[in-house]
Amino acid sequence: MVAITLAAFLAAAGLSSALPPKIGTTVLADSDFTSGSGRVSIKQVRKTASAPFNGALSIYQTYLKYGAPVPDYLSQAVSHIAAENAAVLKKRAATTGSAATIPVDPDIDIAWVTPVTIGTPPQTLHLDFDTGSSDLWVFSSHLPANQIRGQALYSPPKSTTSKLMVNHTWSITYGDNSNSQGTVYTDNFTVGGLTVEAQAIEAATRVSAQFTREEALDGLLGLGFSSMNTVRPKAQLTFFDNIKDKLEKPLFTVDFKHKAEGTYDFGYIDPAKHTSNFTYTDITVSPGYWLWTSPGFSVGTEAWTASSIRGIADTGTTLLYLPTAVANAYYKAIPGASNSRTYGGYVFPCNTAPPPFHFGLGSEKFTIPGKFINYGPASLGSNTCFGGIQSSANVGINIWGGVALKAGLVVFEAGEKPRMGFANKDLKGAV
């Protein structure tokens, strides 16, 4: 492995232990929901850019999140792109005579968080809602100053409803052997008008360096299954598992948008947000992911390929990771496309139009517009664009990230037989 100084770039989410312990309990407030309706809708907000887009870094982060070893070429690509971006910013600063700033590029569609409140009186934090993990952890007042860079902090002593869970801790280890860890409290936790009393809040006493650099990210809200929660000695129920039985329906929907804020709806399906009926597929809870199987795919106008693609629906991952044969079939349709070691993944000329990608779910076929798969210049000012579809070969699992999920309205439904549904929606000219 190549040794690189990537404390500024390493990011990930948690790994679970092999054997999930018993699940803790939580008490629901009597006045849980807005107007007592058992439903809530909450919008995302855009994150402030802390660094220019780095597609290789996005892949690097995914490797760490899923515990995959990072290839040397990918480490080198992250450094290469970071150096290119830094050189462009330095040149701009010299030209303008002002300090180099990070451009907020509306064509880069990666940075969204969702506001929540914790405690009494309420403390507002902005979290990443992540179906690929099962921990609700936050930046806290217990962190040393050198691990904080403008994040909002949860301060248990300032909440009259916080209660320390004695001898309970949490720890998430990443693929680079760094970790985030801390203590556990119970406290009021509110999303929109929906409140859980005594929700387990994992207050960080240490965070890995990349989270420190993510100035607008105050923590993660895991929406995976509670079997993957890392609190020990007794794992705790996730926010969704705590509230699902009091919702109108035990589900939530994800309505990601292209270059705009999306929404999470809990307890109901908004008919105004989809244009077709839902098609459902069964979920395999292993070890706590929303794991499902697609029956096939096609590229542009090419013939359909029947191929079982088993993967995770992950709102906390940006790109779409598919088998190498599928990724190769897609980029074969784009003149000049290549799998670049320099840039760390599949790239193509920015002046070409990527074709749509069609995938199967249940008995239906759905389309990801080509515009969604163009993730913008691979580095600042480059004429080479980074692809939103990448190979899953080294990750070890296929991942249906934001590139795929924003192509429709997605429903995550709990119950004895969990399932996921997908419906078409108005893509506002993106096709």
Protein backbone atom coordinates (compact mmCIF):
# COMPACT_ATOMS: atom_id res chain seq x y z
CA MET A 1 0.00 0.00 0.00
CA VAL A 2 1.14 3.55 -0.74
CA ALA A 3 1.59 5.76 2.30
CA ILE A 4 -0.25 9.03 1.73
CA THR A 5 -1.14 11.95 3.96
CA LEU A 6 -4.87 11.65 3.53
CA ALA A 7 -6.11 12.49 6.99
CA ALA A 8 -7.95 15.28 5.22
CA PHE A 9 -9.56 12.92 2.78
CA LEU A 10 -10.34 9.66 4.55
CA ALA A 11 -14.00 9.11 5.24
CA ALA A 12 -16.20 6.15 5.88
CA ALA A 13 -19.03 4.65 7.84
CA GLY A 14 -19.16 1.79 10.28
CA LEU A 15 -18.43 -1.88 10.22
CA SER A 16 -20.59 -4.20 12.26
CA SER A 17 -19.52 -6.98 14.55
CA ALA A 18 -20.18 -10.55 13.50
CA LEU A 19 -22.76 -11.36 16.17
CA PRO A 20 -25.35 -8.70 17.01
CA PRO A 21 -26.18 -8.60 20.74
CA LYS A 22 -29.56 -7.97 22.30
CA ILE A 23 -31.34 -4.80 21.30
CA GLY A 24 -32.02 -2.03 23.77
CA THR A 25 -35.39 -0.35 24.28
CA THR A 26 -36.69 3.17 23.79
CA VAL A 27 -39.81 5.01 24.94
CA LEU A 28 -41.89 6.99 22.44
CA ALA A 29 -43.34 10.37 23.31
CA ASP A 30 -47.14 10.65 23.39
CA SER A 31 -47.05 13.68 21.10
CA ASP A 32 -44.71 12.17 18.54
CA PHE A 33 -45.99 13.56 15.30
CA THR A 34 -46.95 16.79 13.62
CA SER A 35 -50.69 17.28 14.17
CA GLY A 36 -50.82 13.73 15.58
CA SER A 37 -50.82 12.38 12.03
CA GLY A 38 -48.15 9.66 12.33
CA ARG A 39 -46.26 11.10 9.37
CA VAL A 40 -43.56 13.66 8.70
CA SER A 41 -41.72 15.08 5.71
CA ILE A 42 -38.30 16.69 6.03
CA LYS A 43 -36.12 18.39 3.43
CA GLN A 44 -32.40 18.06 2.88
CA VAL A 45 -30.15 21.10 2.78
CA ARG A 46 -26.98 21.55 0.72
CA LYS A 47 -23.63 21.12 2.47
CA THR A 48 -20.99 23.82 2.24
CA ALA A 49 -18.14 22.68 -0.01
CA SER A 50 -15.08 21.83 2.11
CA ALA A 51 -12.98 20.73 -0.88
CA PRO A 52 -13.36 20.54 -4.67
CA PHE A 53 -14.98 17.39 -6.02
CA ASN A 54 -12.63 14.41 -6.11
CA GLY A 55 -14.17 11.33 -7.72
CA ALA A 56 -11.31 9.07 -6.65
CA LEU A 57 -11.89 10.19 -3.08
CA SER A 58 -15.57 9.27 -3.34
CA ILE A 59 -14.54 5.75 -4.33
CA TYR A 60 -11.86 5.71 -1.61
CA GLN A 61 -14.50 6.60 0.98
CA THR A 62 -16.72 3.77 -0.19
CA TYR A 63 -13.88 1.27 0.14
CA LEU A 64 -13.29 2.40 3.71
CA LYS A 65 -16.99 2.33 4.56
CA TYR A 66 -17.28 -1.29 3.50
CA GLY A 67 -13.91 -2.40 4.89
CA ALA A 68 -12.31 -3.06 1.50
CA PRO A 69 -8.53 -2.79 1.02
CA VAL A 70 -7.62 0.28 -1.02
CA PRO A 71 -5.54 -0.38 -4.18
CA ASP A 72 -2.33 1.59 -4.57
CA TYR A 73 -3.49 3.27 -7.78
CA LEU A 74 -6.60 4.64 -6.03
CA SER A 75 -4.56 6.14 -3.20
CA GLN A 76 -2.30 7.75 -5.80
CA ALA A 77 -5.30 9.04 -7.76
CA VAL A 78 -6.75 10.77 -4.69
CA SER A 79 -3.44 12.55 -4.12
CA HIS A 80 -3.05 13.37 -7.82
CA ILE A 81 -6.49 14.97 -8.12
CA ALA A 82 -6.07 16.85 -4.83
CA ALA A 83 -2.77 18.26 -6.11
CA GLU A 84 -4.34 19.29 -9.44
CA ASN A 85 -7.19 21.03 -7.63
CA ALA A 86 -4.81 22.79 -5.25
CA ALA A 87 -2.72 24.04 -8.18
CA VAL A 88 -5.79 25.48 -9.91
CA LEU A 89 -6.94 27.22 -6.73
CA LYS A 90 -3.45 28.63 -6.15
CA LYS A 91 -3.33 29.96 -9.70
CA ARG A 92 -6.75 31.56 -9.33
CA ALA A 93 -5.66 33.22 -6.11
CA ALA A 94 -2.52 34.59 -7.75
CA THR A 95 -4.58 35.90 -10.68
CA THR A 96 -7.29 37.57 -8.63
CA GLY A 97 -5.18 38.66 -5.66
CA SER A 98 -7.69 37.11 -3.26
CA ALA A 99 -7.60 34.01 -1.11
CA ALA A 100 -8.32 30.73 -2.85
CA THR A 101 -11.88 29.59 -2.22
CA ILE A 102 -13.68 26.36 -2.91
CA PRO A 103 -16.11 26.79 -5.80
CA VAL A 104 -19.69 25.68 -5.16
CA ASP A 105 -20.43 23.88 -8.41
CA PRO A 106 -24.17 23.33 -9.00
CA ASP A 107 -23.30 20.50 -11.39
CA ILE A 108 -21.68 18.50 -8.59
CA ASP A 109 -24.48 16.66 -6.85
CA ILE A 110 -22.98 15.05 -3.74
CA ALA A 111 -23.44 17.21 -0.66
CA TRP A 112 -26.73 17.03 1.24
CA VAL A 113 -27.60 16.84 4.95
CA THR A 114 -30.82 16.88 6.96
CA PRO A 115 -31.61 18.95 10.10
CA VAL A 116 -32.66 17.28 13.37
CA THR A 117 -32.93 18.40 16.98
CA ILE A 118 -31.68 16.69 20.14
CA GLY A 119 -32.45 17.35 23.80
CA THR A 120 -34.32 19.90 25.91
CA PRO A 121 -34.08 22.71 24.98
CA PRO A 122 -33.55 21.46 21.41
CA GLN A 123 -30.06 21.53 19.91
CA THR A 124 -30.03 21.57 16.08
CA LEU A 125 -27.58 19.41 14.14
CA HIS A 126 -27.33 18.47 10.46
CA LEU A 127 -26.91 14.75 9.82
CA ASP A 128 -26.33 12.43 6.89
CA PHE A 129 -29.32 10.04 6.70
CA ASP A 130 -27.65 6.74 5.81
CA THR A 131 -29.42 3.46 4.95
CA GLY A 132 -25.96 1.87 4.79
CA SER A 133 -25.35 2.09 8.56
CA SER A 134 -27.26 1.73 11.82
CA ASP A 135 -25.72 4.18 14.28
CA LEU A 136 -26.98 7.60 15.31
CA TRP A 137 -23.71 9.28 16.19
CA VAL A 138 -23.02 12.99 16.51
CA PHE A 139 -20.25 15.48 17.16
CA SER A 140 -20.39 16.29 20.85
CA SER A 141 -18.99 18.64 23.46
CA HIS A 142 -16.83 15.72 24.67
CA LEU A 143 -14.57 15.99 21.62
CA PRO A 144 -11.12 17.60 21.85
CA ALA A 145 -10.91 21.00 20.15
CA ASN A 146 -8.52 19.78 17.45
CA GLN A 147 -11.19 17.39 16.11
CA ILE A 148 -13.81 20.11 15.63
CA ARG A 149 -13.96 22.54 12.73
CA GLY A 150 -17.19 24.48 12.91
CA GLN A 151 -19.55 21.54 13.44
CA ALA A 152 -22.58 21.95 15.66
CA LEU A 153 -22.12 19.96 18.86
CA TYR A 154 -24.53 17.96 20.96
CA SER A 155 -23.91 18.94 24.59
CA PRO A 156 -25.52 16.42 26.98
CA PRO A 157 -25.01 18.66 30.06
CA LYS A 158 -27.10 21.38 28.39
CA SER A 159 -30.08 19.04 27.92
CA THR A 160 -32.39 18.44 30.87
CA THR A 161 -33.59 15.19 29.27
CA SER A 162 -30.19 13.60 28.60
CA LYS A 163 -29.21 10.51 30.54
CA LEU A 164 -25.89 8.70 30.37
CA MET A 165 -26.10 4.98 29.53
CA VAL A 166 -23.56 3.80 32.08
CA ASN A 167 -20.87 1.46 30.70
CA HIS A 168 -22.23 1.66 27.16
CA THR A 169 -19.88 2.71 24.39
CA TRP A 170 -19.75 2.69 20.61
CA SER A 171 -16.89 2.38 18.16
CA ILE A 172 -16.79 2.33 14.37
CA THR A 173 -13.59 1.18 12.69
CA TYR A 174 -12.87 2.11 9.09
CA GLY A 175 -10.92 0.40 6.33
CA ASP A 176 -7.78 2.43 7.11
CA ASN A 177 -7.92 1.34 10.78
CA SER A 178 -8.94 4.81 11.97
CA ASN A 179 -12.08 5.01 14.07
CA SER A 180 -14.78 7.13 15.62
CA GLN A 181 -15.99 6.28 19.10
CA GLY A 182 -17.69 7.62 22.18
CA THR A 183 -20.23 7.33 24.96
CA VAL A 184 -23.98 6.82 24.76
CA TYR A 185 -26.85 8.90 26.12
CA THR A 186 -30.59 8.70 25.83
CA ASP A 187 -32.38 11.93 24.94
CA ASN A 188 -35.27 13.39 23.02
CA PHE A 189 -34.62 13.18 19.29
CA THR A 190 -36.79 14.96 16.73
CA VAL A 191 -37.01 14.71 12.95
CA GLY A 192 -39.50 17.24 11.64
CA GLY A 193 -42.39 17.02 14.09
CA LEU A 194 -41.66 13.41 15.01
CA THR A 195 -40.02 12.90 18.42
CA VAL A 196 -38.62 9.84 20.15
CA GLU A 197 -38.01 10.07 23.88
CA ALA A 198 -34.95 8.26 25.20
CA GLN A 199 -33.46 7.64 21.77
CA ALA A 200 -29.91 6.31 22.00
CA ILE A 201 -27.58 9.15 20.98
CA GLU A 202 -23.96 8.15 20.35
CA ALA A 203 -21.91 11.15 21.47
CA ALA A 204 -18.47 11.18 19.88
CA THR A 205 -15.37 11.51 22.06
CA ARG A 206 -13.19 10.87 19.02
CA VAL A 207 -13.77 11.21 15.27
CA SER A 208 -11.54 10.30 12.35
CA ALA A 209 -9.93 13.20 10.51
CA GLN A 210 -12.21 13.29 7.48
CA PHE A 211 -15.27 13.93 9.62
CA THR A 212 -13.43 16.83 11.23
CA ARG A 213 -12.94 18.36 7.77
CA GLU A 214 -16.63 17.95 6.88
CA GLU A 215 -17.57 21.25 8.47
CA ALA A 216 -21.28 21.09 7.60
CA LEU A 217 -21.72 17.47 8.72
CA ASP A 218 -22.54 17.04 12.40
CA GLY A 219 -23.01 13.27 12.40
CA LEU A 220 -24.86 10.31 10.88
CA LEU A 221 -28.37 8.96 11.30
CA GLY A 222 -28.27 5.28 10.42
CA LEU A 223 -31.40 3.94 8.72
CA GLY A 224 -30.16 0.38 8.33
CA PHE A 225 -31.51 -2.39 10.53
CA SER A 226 -30.79 -2.37 14.27
CA SER A 227 -28.92 -5.68 14.07
CA MET A 228 -25.97 -3.67 12.72
CA ASN A 229 -25.85 -1.08 15.53
CA THR A 230 -22.40 -0.88 17.19
CA VAL A 231 -23.33 0.13 20.77
CA ARG A 232 -21.95 -2.35 23.30
CA PRO A 233 -22.63 -4.26 25.48
CA LYS A 234 -26.23 -3.91 24.26
CA ALA A 235 -26.97 -2.70 20.73
CA GLN A 236 -29.65 -0.02 20.48
CA LEU A 237 -32.65 0.40 18.24
CA THR A 238 -32.31 2.83 15.36
CA PHE A 239 -34.52 5.89 15.14
CA PHE A 240 -36.66 4.24 12.44
CA ASP A 241 -37.05 0.98 14.36
CA ASN A 242 -38.18 3.00 17.35
CA ILE A 243 -40.89 4.94 15.52
CA LYS A 244 -42.08 2.56 12.81
CA ASP A 245 -44.94 1.05 14.83
CA LYS A 246 -46.40 4.49 15.57
CA LEU A 247 -46.28 5.68 11.99
CA GLU A 248 -49.33 5.47 9.76
CA LYS A 249 -47.33 2.88 7.82
CA PRO A 250 -43.98 1.33 8.88
CA LEU A 251 -41.99 2.87 6.06
CA PHE A 252 -40.04 5.86 4.84
CA THR A 253 -39.51 7.19 1.35
CA VAL A 254 -36.45 8.79 -0.22
CA ASP A 255 -36.96 11.44 -2.88
CA PHE A 256 -33.47 12.51 -3.94
CA LYS A 257 -33.23 15.24 -6.55
CA HIS A 258 -30.75 16.08 -9.29
CA LYS A 259 -28.91 19.27 -8.25
CA ALA A 260 -31.59 20.16 -5.70
CA GLU A 261 -32.67 19.33 -2.15
CA GLY A 262 -34.60 16.11 -1.71
CA THR A 263 -36.95 14.89 1.01
CA TYR A 264 -37.39 12.02 3.42
CA ASP A 265 -41.00 11.15 4.26
CA PHE A 266 -41.75 8.93 7.27
CA GLY A 267 -45.01 7.02 7.64
CA TYR A 268 -46.61 7.66 4.26
CA ILE A 269 -46.15 7.76 0.50
CA ASP A 270 -46.91 11.13 -1.07
CA PRO A 271 -48.87 10.53 -4.30
CA ALA A 272 -47.64 13.85 -5.70
CA LYS A 273 -44.06 12.55 -5.69
CA HIS A 274 -44.43 9.64 -8.13
CA THR A 275 -45.94 9.15 -11.59
CA SER A 276 -46.24 5.35 -11.72
CA ASN A 277 -47.29 2.53 -9.46
CA PHE A 278 -44.68 1.09 -7.13
CA THR A 279 -42.87 -2.13 -7.95
CA TYR A 280 -41.54 -4.00 -4.92
CA THR A 281 -38.70 -6.39 -4.25
CA ASP A 282 -37.92 -8.43 -1.13
CA ILE A 283 -35.10 -7.35 1.15
CA THR A 284 -32.50 -9.66 2.65
CA VAL A 285 -31.37 -8.24 5.99
CA SER A 286 -27.68 -9.19 5.95
CA PRO A 287 -26.17 -8.23 8.37
CA GLY A 288 -28.34 -5.13 8.62
CA TYR A 289 -28.38 -3.68 5.10
CA TRP A 290 -31.26 -3.11 2.69
CA LEU A 291 -29.99 -5.84 0.36
CA TRP A 292 -31.91 -6.67 -2.84
CA THR A 293 -31.41 -8.29 -6.25
CA SER A 294 -31.92 -6.67 -9.64
CA PRO A 295 -32.75 -9.12 -12.48
CA GLY A 296 -30.85 -7.29 -15.23
CA PHE A 297 -29.89 -4.15 -17.11
CA SER A 298 -29.48 -2.46 -20.49
CA VAL A 299 -27.54 0.52 -21.80
CA GLY A 300 -29.20 3.15 -23.98
CA THR A 301 -31.06 1.41 -26.81
CA GLU A 302 -29.10 -1.83 -26.54
CA ALA A 303 -30.71 -5.21 -25.82
CA TRP A 304 -31.65 -6.26 -22.31
CA THR A 305 -29.15 -8.41 -20.39
CA ALA A 306 -30.59 -10.81 -17.83
CA SER A 307 -28.14 -10.82 -14.93
CA SER A 308 -28.75 -11.05 -11.18
CA ILE A 309 -27.15 -8.03 -9.49
CA ARG A 310 -27.34 -8.34 -5.72
CA GLY A 311 -26.58 -5.13 -3.89
CA ILE A 312 -27.28 -2.64 -1.11
CA ALA A 313 -29.59 0.37 -1.36
CA ASP A 314 -27.41 2.97 0.34
CA THR A 315 -28.45 6.62 0.72
CA GLY A 316 -25.07 7.37 2.31
CA THR A 317 -23.07 6.43 -0.80
CA THR A 318 -22.83 8.85 -3.71
CA LEU A 319 -22.10 6.64 -6.72
CA LEU A 320 -23.51 3.45 -8.25
CA TYR A 321 -21.19 0.44 -7.92
CA LEU A 322 -21.89 -2.49 -10.26
CA PRO A 323 -20.01 -5.58 -11.49
CA THR A 324 -17.08 -4.76 -13.77
CA ALA A 325 -18.79 -6.44 -16.75
CA VAL A 326 -21.79 -4.13 -16.31
CA ALA A 327 -19.63 -1.02 -15.91
CA ASN A 328 -17.61 -1.98 -18.99
CA ALA A 329 -20.79 -2.50 -21.01
CA TYR A 330 -21.97 0.96 -20.01
CA TYR A 331 -18.78 2.87 -20.83
CA LYS A 332 -18.31 0.96 -24.08
CA ALA A 333 -21.25 3.04 -25.31
CA ILE A 334 -19.41 6.35 -24.66
CA PRO A 335 -16.73 7.32 -27.20
CA GLY A 336 -13.42 8.05 -25.49
CA ALA A 337 -14.41 6.57 -22.12
CA SER A 338 -11.81 4.63 -20.14
CA ASN A 339 -11.11 3.14 -16.73
CA SER A 340 -8.39 5.57 -15.67
CA ARG A 341 -5.85 4.79 -12.99
CA THR A 342 -4.82 8.44 -13.06
CA TYR A 343 -8.31 9.54 -12.04
CA GLY A 344 -9.15 6.42 -10.03
CA GLY A 345 -12.18 5.23 -11.99
CA TYR A 346 -14.21 5.39 -15.16
CA VAL A 347 -14.03 8.75 -16.94
CA PHE A 348 -15.11 10.12 -20.31
CA PRO A 349 -14.83 13.32 -22.37
CA CYS A 350 -17.04 16.04 -20.92
CA ASN A 351 -18.31 16.97 -24.40
CA THR A 352 -20.01 13.58 -24.82
CA ALA A 353 -23.53 12.71 -23.67
CA PRO A 354 -23.69 9.55 -21.54
CA PRO A 355 -26.56 7.18 -22.43
CA PRO A 356 -29.27 6.25 -19.94
CA PHE A 357 -28.82 3.13 -17.83
CA HIS A 358 -31.84 0.84 -17.39
CA PHE A 359 -32.14 -1.63 -14.49
CA GLY A 360 -34.70 -4.15 -13.38
CA LEU A 361 -36.54 -4.19 -10.08
CA GLY A 362 -39.10 -6.91 -9.63
CA SER A 363 -41.02 -7.24 -12.90
CA GLU A 364 -40.38 -3.67 -14.09
CA LYS A 365 -37.55 -1.71 -15.68
CA PHE A 366 -36.43 1.74 -14.55
CA THR A 367 -34.15 4.33 -16.10
CA ILE A 368 -31.27 6.40 -14.74
CA PRO A 369 -30.84 9.39 -17.09
CA GLY A 370 -27.39 9.84 -18.59
CA LYS A 371 -27.15 13.30 -17.03
CA PHE A 372 -27.21 11.68 -13.59
CA ILE A 373 -24.15 9.60 -14.51
CA ASN A 374 -22.02 12.60 -15.43
CA TYR A 375 -20.50 13.68 -12.12
CA GLY A 376 -18.71 16.67 -13.55
CA PRO A 377 -15.02 17.38 -14.25
CA ALA A 378 -12.62 14.86 -12.75
CA SER A 379 -10.56 17.80 -11.47
CA LEU A 380 -11.02 21.58 -11.55
CA GLY A 381 -11.02 22.87 -15.12
CA SER A 382 -10.60 19.40 -16.66
CA ASN A 383 -12.28 18.38 -19.92
CA THR A 384 -12.49 14.84 -18.57
CA CYS A 385 -15.61 13.97 -16.57
CA PHE A 386 -16.00 11.43 -13.79
CA GLY A 387 -18.54 8.63 -14.16
CA GLY A 388 -21.35 8.01 -11.72
CA ILE A 389 -21.20 4.26 -12.41
CA GLN A 390 -18.08 2.53 -11.08
CA SER A 391 -16.90 -1.05 -10.66
CA SER A 392 -17.79 -2.87 -7.44
CA ALA A 393 -15.06 -5.48 -7.93
CA ASN A 394 -12.72 -4.22 -5.21
CA VAL A 395 -15.49 -3.02 -2.90
CA GLY A 396 -16.84 -6.54 -2.52
CA ILE A 397 -20.52 -5.64 -2.85
CA ASN A 398 -22.72 -3.87 -5.38
CA ILE A 399 -24.07 -0.58 -4.05
CA TRP A 400 -27.09 1.31 -5.35
CA GLY A 401 -26.10 4.79 -4.21
CA GLY A 402 -27.48 8.23 -4.90
CA VAL A 403 -26.93 8.04 -8.67
CA ALA A 404 -29.54 5.28 -8.86
CA LEU A 405 -31.85 6.29 -6.01
CA LYS A 406 -32.58 9.78 -7.32
CA ALA A 407 -33.97 8.31 -10.55
CA GLY A 408 -37.24 7.48 -8.78
CA LEU A 409 -39.19 7.61 -5.53
CA VAL A 410 -37.87 4.84 -3.28
CA VAL A 411 -39.80 3.31 -0.39
CA PHE A 412 -38.12 1.37 2.42
CA GLU A 413 -40.76 -0.69 4.20
CA ALA A 414 -40.24 -2.61 7.45
CA GLY A 415 -42.27 -5.58 8.72
CA GLU A 416 -41.93 -9.34 9.00
CA LYS A 417 -40.84 -9.35 5.37
CA PRO A 418 -39.06 -6.07 4.66
CA ARG A 419 -39.27 -4.81 1.10
CA MET A 420 -38.16 -1.94 -1.07
CA GLY A 421 -40.26 -0.24 -3.71
CA PHE A 422 -39.40 1.94 -6.68
CA ALA A 423 -41.65 4.21 -8.74
CA ASN A 424 -41.08 6.65 -11.57
CA LYS A 425 -41.32 10.37 -10.88
CA ASP A 426 -41.07 13.68 -12.71
CA LEU A 427 -37.36 14.16 -13.38
CA LYS A 428 -37.87 17.75 -14.57
CA GLY A 429 -36.18 17.52 -17.94
CA ALA A 430 -33.26 15.36 -16.82
CA VAL A 431 -34.03 12.58 -19.33
